[in-house]
Amino acid sequence: MSTIDSCQLTTKDYTILEVMQERRPARGDAFSAILQRKISSAVVVFREDIPANVVTLSTRVAYRVNDGPAETRIVAHDEMRGLVGMLLPITNPRGLALLGLAEGQSMSIPTTDGGLETLTVHEVVYQPEAARRERLKLAGGAAPGSWRPDGPILRVVHRSDDAQDKAAKQVIAAFDTGFDDPGPSAA
């Protein structure tokens, strides 16, 4: 078990926390302190690069509070109706504390009675980013980090002699779909 000195967040999750911080002025309360700690200790990565054992939004996670039994919840952006008892929103100190932690990592947060409780990630049961990578792999998609464009590779034309001018016209013709929408400014 390791205590948090950093957490890993996807770019999306980090942006959501920043917006939460902007909308919630620093009040000196426990929630604001947890939020500030998350943002300041975050290592931000693209969703394709987040390890499968890290809690992200919409992750189903098994965690322990102190030495209690493991509880399983879905870490969510906010509370949703109809899923009572299944979700742990990041608007709750426990949900916020778990976001970005890897299996085996812990974070201590203050309780309402003035004490401390330690949350430990026991297991990441389901992570949407890992599931997406698995679906792409099964469908024969590109491996993470090896993205290449599907279309023709474009070449930069530095001068316009006849051969290069002809090649440039071919490239333009390849992308001409015949659709000529002037856009909203023409209205």
C-alpha atoms as a PDB file:
ATOM      1  CA  MET A   1       0.000   0.000   0.000  1.00  0.00           C
ATOM      2  CA  SER A   2       1.436   3.354  -0.997  1.00  0.00           C
ATOM      3  CA  THR A   3       0.188   6.760   0.068  1.00  0.00           C
ATOM      4  CA  ILE A   4      -0.535   9.306  -2.635  1.00  0.00           C
ATOM      5  CA  ASP A   5       2.215  11.676  -3.593  1.00  0.00           C
ATOM      6  CA  SER A   6       0.892  11.870  -7.139  1.00  0.00           C
ATOM      7  CA  CYS A   7      -2.113  10.697  -9.050  1.00  0.00           C
ATOM      8  CA  GLN A   8      -2.659  10.036 -12.743  1.00  0.00           C
ATOM      9  CA  LEU A   9      -5.517  11.791 -14.497  1.00  0.00           C
ATOM     10  CA  THR A  10      -6.697  11.774 -18.079  1.00  0.00           C
ATOM     11  CA  THR A  11      -6.812  15.152 -19.773  1.00  0.00           C
ATOM     12  CA  LYS A  12     -10.610  15.047 -19.521  1.00  0.00           C
ATOM     13  CA  ASP A  13     -10.643  14.217 -15.797  1.00  0.00           C
ATOM     14  CA  TYR A  14      -8.057  16.913 -15.058  1.00  0.00           C
ATOM     15  CA  THR A  15     -10.065  19.515 -16.971  1.00  0.00           C
ATOM     16  CA  ILE A  16     -13.208  18.610 -15.019  1.00  0.00           C
ATOM     17  CA  LEU A  17     -11.334  19.075 -11.727  1.00  0.00           C
ATOM     18  CA  GLU A  18     -10.011  22.449 -12.888  1.00  0.00           C
ATOM     19  CA  VAL A  19     -13.550  23.582 -13.736  1.00  0.00           C
ATOM     20  CA  MET A  20     -14.766  22.368 -10.346  1.00  0.00           C
ATOM     21  CA  GLN A  21     -12.028  24.411  -8.687  1.00  0.00           C
ATOM     22  CA  GLU A  22     -12.878  27.520 -10.722  1.00  0.00           C
ATOM     23  CA  ARG A  23     -16.567  27.239  -9.834  1.00  0.00           C
ATOM     24  CA  ARG A  24     -15.858  26.609  -6.179  1.00  0.00           C
ATOM     25  CA  PRO A  25     -13.825  29.397  -4.630  1.00  0.00           C
ATOM     26  CA  ALA A  26     -11.271  28.280  -2.044  1.00  0.00           C
ATOM     27  CA  ARG A  27     -13.267  28.052   1.150  1.00  0.00           C
ATOM     28  CA  GLY A  28     -10.704  26.387   3.314  1.00  0.00           C
ATOM     29  CA  ASP A  29     -12.981  23.346   3.730  1.00  0.00           C
ATOM     30  CA  ALA A  30     -11.914  19.708   3.448  1.00  0.00           C
ATOM     31  CA  PHE A  31     -13.352  19.212  -0.044  1.00  0.00           C
ATOM     32  CA  SER A  32     -11.447  22.222  -1.439  1.00  0.00           C
ATOM     33  CA  ALA A  33      -8.244  20.907   0.146  1.00  0.00           C
ATOM     34  CA  ILE A  34      -8.701  17.469  -1.468  1.00  0.00           C
ATOM     35  CA  LEU A  35      -9.457  19.097  -4.827  1.00  0.00           C
ATOM     36  CA  GLN A  36      -6.364  21.311  -4.630  1.00  0.00           C
ATOM     37  CA  ARG A  37      -4.217  18.336  -3.608  1.00  0.00           C
ATOM     38  CA  LYS A  38      -5.464  16.310  -6.595  1.00  0.00           C
ATOM     39  CA  ILE A  39      -4.820  19.088  -9.082  1.00  0.00           C
ATOM     40  CA  SER A  40      -1.373  19.971  -7.739  1.00  0.00           C
ATOM     41  CA  SER A  41      -0.163  16.346  -7.586  1.00  0.00           C
ATOM     42  CA  ALA A  42      -1.610  15.188 -10.915  1.00  0.00           C
ATOM     43  CA  VAL A  43       0.350  13.620 -13.716  1.00  0.00           C
ATOM     44  CA  VAL A  44      -1.851  14.272 -16.752  1.00  0.00           C
ATOM     45  CA  VAL A  45      -1.913  11.718 -19.592  1.00  0.00           C
ATOM     46  CA  PHE A  46      -3.998  11.068 -22.696  1.00  0.00           C
ATOM     47  CA  ARG A  47      -6.789   8.518 -22.275  1.00  0.00           C
ATOM     48  CA  GLU A  48      -4.909   6.106 -24.542  1.00  0.00           C
ATOM     49  CA  ASP A  49      -1.954   6.185 -22.154  1.00  0.00           C
ATOM     50  CA  ILE A  50      -3.661   5.821 -18.759  1.00  0.00           C
ATOM     51  CA  PRO A  51      -2.733   2.502 -17.120  1.00  0.00           C
ATOM     52  CA  ALA A  52      -5.630   0.033 -16.764  1.00  0.00           C
ATOM     53  CA  ASN A  53      -5.194  -0.095 -12.963  1.00  0.00           C
ATOM     54  CA  VAL A  54      -5.918   3.637 -12.404  1.00  0.00           C
ATOM     55  CA  VAL A  55      -9.311   5.016 -11.351  1.00  0.00           C
ATOM     56  CA  THR A  56     -10.818   7.354 -13.961  1.00  0.00           C
ATOM     57  CA  LEU A  57     -14.326   8.714 -14.359  1.00  0.00           C
ATOM     58  CA  SER A  58     -16.857   5.894 -14.946  1.00  0.00           C
ATOM     59  CA  THR A  59     -14.450   3.316 -13.471  1.00  0.00           C
ATOM     60  CA  ARG A  60     -15.910   0.544 -11.318  1.00  0.00           C
ATOM     61  CA  VAL A  61     -13.568   0.313  -8.357  1.00  0.00           C
ATOM     62  CA  ALA A  62     -13.304  -1.879  -5.283  1.00  0.00           C
ATOM     63  CA  TYR A  63     -11.873   0.134  -2.394  1.00  0.00           C
ATOM     64  CA  ARG A  64     -11.504  -0.022   1.364  1.00  0.00           C
ATOM     65  CA  VAL A  65     -12.114   2.651   3.968  1.00  0.00           C
ATOM     66  CA  ASN A  66      -9.528   2.181   6.714  1.00  0.00           C
ATOM     67  CA  ASP A  67      -9.500  -1.565   7.444  1.00  0.00           C
ATOM     68  CA  GLY A  68     -13.157  -2.116   6.546  1.00  0.00           C
ATOM     69  CA  PRO A  69     -14.538  -4.525   3.966  1.00  0.00           C
ATOM     70  CA  ALA A  70     -14.115  -3.748   0.270  1.00  0.00           C
ATOM     71  CA  GLU A  71     -16.897  -1.692  -1.297  1.00  0.00           C
ATOM     72  CA  THR A  72     -17.506  -1.475  -5.043  1.00  0.00           C
ATOM     73  CA  ARG A  73     -18.762   1.719  -6.675  1.00  0.00           C
ATOM     74  CA  ILE A  74     -18.637   3.513 -10.011  1.00  0.00           C
ATOM     75  CA  VAL A  75     -16.742   6.795  -9.757  1.00  0.00           C
ATOM     76  CA  ALA A  76     -18.989   9.287 -11.536  1.00  0.00           C
ATOM     77  CA  HIS A  77     -18.976  12.950 -12.471  1.00  0.00           C
ATOM     78  CA  ASP A  78     -22.111  13.726 -10.483  1.00  0.00           C
ATOM     79  CA  GLU A  79     -25.035  11.998  -8.832  1.00  0.00           C
ATOM     80  CA  MET A  80     -27.522  10.295 -11.139  1.00  0.00           C
ATOM     81  CA  ARG A  81     -31.060   9.304 -10.358  1.00  0.00           C
ATOM     82  CA  GLY A  82     -31.923   5.635 -10.347  1.00  0.00           C
ATOM     83  CA  LEU A  83     -28.442   4.391  -9.495  1.00  0.00           C
ATOM     84  CA  VAL A  84     -28.583   4.936  -5.750  1.00  0.00           C
ATOM     85  CA  GLY A  85     -25.816   3.064  -3.954  1.00  0.00           C
ATOM     86  CA  MET A  86     -23.933   2.213  -7.141  1.00  0.00           C
ATOM     87  CA  LEU A  87     -22.239   5.556  -7.803  1.00  0.00           C
ATOM     88  CA  LEU A  88     -19.659   7.537  -5.922  1.00  0.00           C
ATOM     89  CA  PRO A  89     -19.597  11.025  -7.450  1.00  0.00           C
ATOM     90  CA  ILE A  90     -16.458  13.150  -7.458  1.00  0.00           C
ATOM     91  CA  THR A  91     -18.554  15.830  -5.760  1.00  0.00           C
ATOM     92  CA  ASN A  92     -18.232  13.561  -2.699  1.00  0.00           C
ATOM     93  CA  PRO A  93     -14.856  13.633  -0.866  1.00  0.00           C
ATOM     94  CA  ARG A  94     -14.458   9.848  -1.185  1.00  0.00           C
ATOM     95  CA  GLY A  95     -15.124   9.863  -4.936  1.00  0.00           C
ATOM     96  CA  LEU A  96     -12.726  12.747  -5.440  1.00  0.00           C
ATOM     97  CA  ALA A  97     -10.066  11.026  -3.320  1.00  0.00           C
ATOM     98  CA  LEU A  98     -10.242   7.814  -5.376  1.00  0.00           C
ATOM     99  CA  LEU A  99      -9.998   9.548  -8.762  1.00  0.00           C
ATOM    100  CA  GLY A 100      -6.502   9.113 -10.211  1.00  0.00           C
ATOM    101  CA  LEU A 101      -5.303   6.505  -7.705  1.00  0.00           C
ATOM    102  CA  ALA A 102      -3.834   3.203  -8.901  1.00  0.00           C
ATOM    103  CA  GLU A 103      -4.467  -0.196  -7.362  1.00  0.00           C
ATOM    104  CA  GLY A 104      -2.724  -0.321  -3.976  1.00  0.00           C
ATOM    105  CA  GLN A 105      -2.530   3.473  -3.595  1.00  0.00           C
ATOM    106  CA  SER A 106      -4.170   5.205  -0.636  1.00  0.00           C
ATOM    107  CA  MET A 107      -5.239   8.695   0.300  1.00  0.00           C
ATOM    108  CA  SER A 108      -6.235   9.972   3.722  1.00  0.00           C
ATOM    109  CA  ILE A 109      -9.040  12.523   3.908  1.00  0.00           C
ATOM    110  CA  PRO A 110     -10.691  14.341   6.808  1.00  0.00           C
ATOM    111  CA  THR A 111     -14.037  13.120   8.109  1.00  0.00           C
ATOM    112  CA  THR A 112     -16.960  15.250   9.251  1.00  0.00           C
ATOM    113  CA  ASP A 113     -16.173  14.484  12.904  1.00  0.00           C
ATOM    114  CA  GLY A 114     -12.625  15.852  12.609  1.00  0.00           C
ATOM    115  CA  GLY A 115     -10.823  12.527  12.212  1.00  0.00           C
ATOM    116  CA  LEU A 116      -9.107  10.982   9.210  1.00  0.00           C
ATOM    117  CA  GLU A 117     -10.085   8.048   7.040  1.00  0.00           C
ATOM    118  CA  THR A 118      -7.824   6.280   4.595  1.00  0.00           C
ATOM    119  CA  LEU A 119      -9.200   5.097   1.274  1.00  0.00           C
ATOM    120  CA  THR A 120      -7.250   2.372  -0.506  1.00  0.00           C
ATOM    121  CA  VAL A 121      -7.888   1.188  -4.065  1.00  0.00           C
ATOM    122  CA  HIS A 122      -8.207  -2.569  -3.821  1.00  0.00           C
ATOM    123  CA  GLU A 123      -8.996  -3.325  -7.490  1.00  0.00           C
ATOM    124  CA  VAL A 124     -10.013  -1.531 -10.669  1.00  0.00           C
ATOM    125  CA  VAL A 125     -12.805  -3.830 -11.822  1.00  0.00           C
ATOM    126  CA  TYR A 126     -13.653  -1.927 -15.020  1.00  0.00           C
ATOM    127  CA  GLN A 127     -12.027   1.114 -16.589  1.00  0.00           C
ATOM    128  CA  PRO A 128     -13.621   2.600 -19.740  1.00  0.00           C
ATOM    129  CA  GLU A 129     -10.299   3.613 -21.296  1.00  0.00           C
ATOM    130  CA  ALA A 130      -8.886   0.079 -20.944  1.00  0.00           C
ATOM    131  CA  ALA A 131     -12.123  -1.400 -22.301  1.00  0.00           C
ATOM    132  CA  ARG A 132     -11.906   0.943 -25.308  1.00  0.00           C
ATOM    133  CA  ARG A 133      -8.325  -0.134 -26.021  1.00  0.00           C
ATOM    134  CA  GLU A 134      -9.385  -3.779 -25.799  1.00  0.00           C
ATOM    135  CA  ARG A 135     -12.303  -3.227 -28.225  1.00  0.00           C
ATOM    136  CA  LEU A 136      -9.977  -1.520 -30.698  1.00  0.00           C
ATOM    137  CA  LYS A 137      -7.471  -4.344 -30.418  1.00  0.00           C
ATOM    138  CA  LEU A 138     -10.153  -6.985 -31.005  1.00  0.00           C
ATOM    139  CA  ALA A 139     -11.544  -5.023 -33.957  1.00  0.00           C
ATOM    140  CA  GLY A 140      -8.077  -4.841 -35.490  1.00  0.00           C
ATOM    141  CA  GLY A 141      -7.653  -1.154 -34.760  1.00  0.00           C
ATOM    142  CA  ALA A 142      -4.316   0.519 -34.361  1.00  0.00           C
ATOM    143  CA  ALA A 143      -2.365  -0.015 -31.187  1.00  0.00           C
ATOM    144  CA  PRO A 144      -2.084   2.967 -28.832  1.00  0.00           C
ATOM    145  CA  GLY A 145       0.604   5.370 -29.944  1.00  0.00           C
ATOM    146  CA  SER A 146       0.741   4.041 -33.506  1.00  0.00           C
ATOM    147  CA  TRP A 147      -1.937   6.182 -35.116  1.00  0.00           C
ATOM    148  CA  ARG A 148      -1.454   6.890 -38.792  1.00  0.00           C
ATOM    149  CA  PRO A 149      -3.762   8.698 -41.196  1.00  0.00           C
ATOM    150  CA  ASP A 150      -5.914   6.446 -43.386  1.00  0.00           C
ATOM    151  CA  GLY A 151      -5.916   8.715 -46.422  1.00  0.00           C
ATOM    152  CA  PRO A 152      -3.160   9.695 -48.812  1.00  0.00           C
ATOM    153  CA  ILE A 153      -0.058  11.249 -47.348  1.00  0.00           C
ATOM    154  CA  LEU A 154       0.217  14.878 -48.377  1.00  0.00           C
ATOM    155  CA  ARG A 155       3.410  16.410 -49.635  1.00  0.00           C
ATOM    156  CA  VAL A 156       4.476  20.021 -49.204  1.00  0.00           C
ATOM    157  CA  VAL A 157       4.945  21.861 -52.502  1.00  0.00           C
ATOM    158  CA  HIS A 158       7.653  24.523 -52.360  1.00  0.00           C
ATOM    159  CA  ARG A 159       7.558  25.800 -55.940  1.00  0.00           C
ATOM    160  CA  SER A 160       5.064  25.627 -58.735  1.00  0.00           C
ATOM    161  CA  ASP A 161       6.734  24.256 -61.814  1.00  0.00           C
ATOM    162  CA  ASP A 162       4.519  22.208 -64.134  1.00  0.00           C
ATOM    163  CA  ALA A 163       5.132  18.748 -62.586  1.00  0.00           C
ATOM    164  CA  GLN A 164       4.582  19.904 -59.045  1.00  0.00           C
ATOM    165  CA  ASP A 165       1.590  22.053 -60.081  1.00  0.00           C
ATOM    166  CA  LYS A 166       0.000  18.965 -61.655  1.00  0.00           C
ATOM    167  CA  ALA A 167       0.655  16.922 -58.473  1.00  0.00           C
ATOM    168  CA  ALA A 168      -0.879  19.658 -56.308  1.00  0.00           C
ATOM    169  CA  LYS A 169      -4.020  19.717 -58.487  1.00  0.00           C
ATOM    170  CA  GLN A 170      -4.313  15.929 -58.101  1.00  0.00           C
ATOM    171  CA  VAL A 171      -4.144  16.238 -54.311  1.00  0.00           C
ATOM    172  CA  ILE A 172      -6.777  18.997 -54.320  1.00  0.00           C
ATOM    173  CA  ALA A 173      -9.003  16.924 -56.645  1.00  0.00           C
ATOM    174  CA  ALA A 174      -8.698  13.919 -54.311  1.00  0.00           C
ATOM    175  CA  PHE A 175     -10.174  15.957 -51.466  1.00  0.00           C
ATOM    176  CA  ASP A 176     -12.822  17.783 -53.533  1.00  0.00           C
ATOM    177  CA  THR A 177     -16.178  16.227 -52.602  1.00  0.00           C
ATOM    178  CA  GLY A 178     -18.268  18.671 -54.613  1.00  0.00           C
ATOM    179  CA  PHE A 179     -19.887  19.997 -51.444  1.00  0.00           C
ATOM    180  CA  ASP A 180     -19.715  23.773 -51.420  1.00  0.00           C
ATOM    181  CA  ASP A 181     -21.332  25.061 -48.232  1.00  0.00           C
ATOM    182  CA  PRO A 182     -20.486  28.704 -47.618  1.00  0.00           C
ATOM    183  CA  GLY A 183     -21.215  28.267 -43.889  1.00  0.00           C
ATOM    184  CA  PRO A 184     -23.204  30.355 -41.443  1.00  0.00           C
ATOM    185  CA  SER A 185     -21.473  33.637 -42.330  1.00  0.00           C
ATOM    186  CA  ALA A 186     -23.134  33.589 -45.778  1.00  0.00           C
ATOM    187  CA  ALA A 187     -26.598  33.749 -44.259  1.00  0.00           C
END
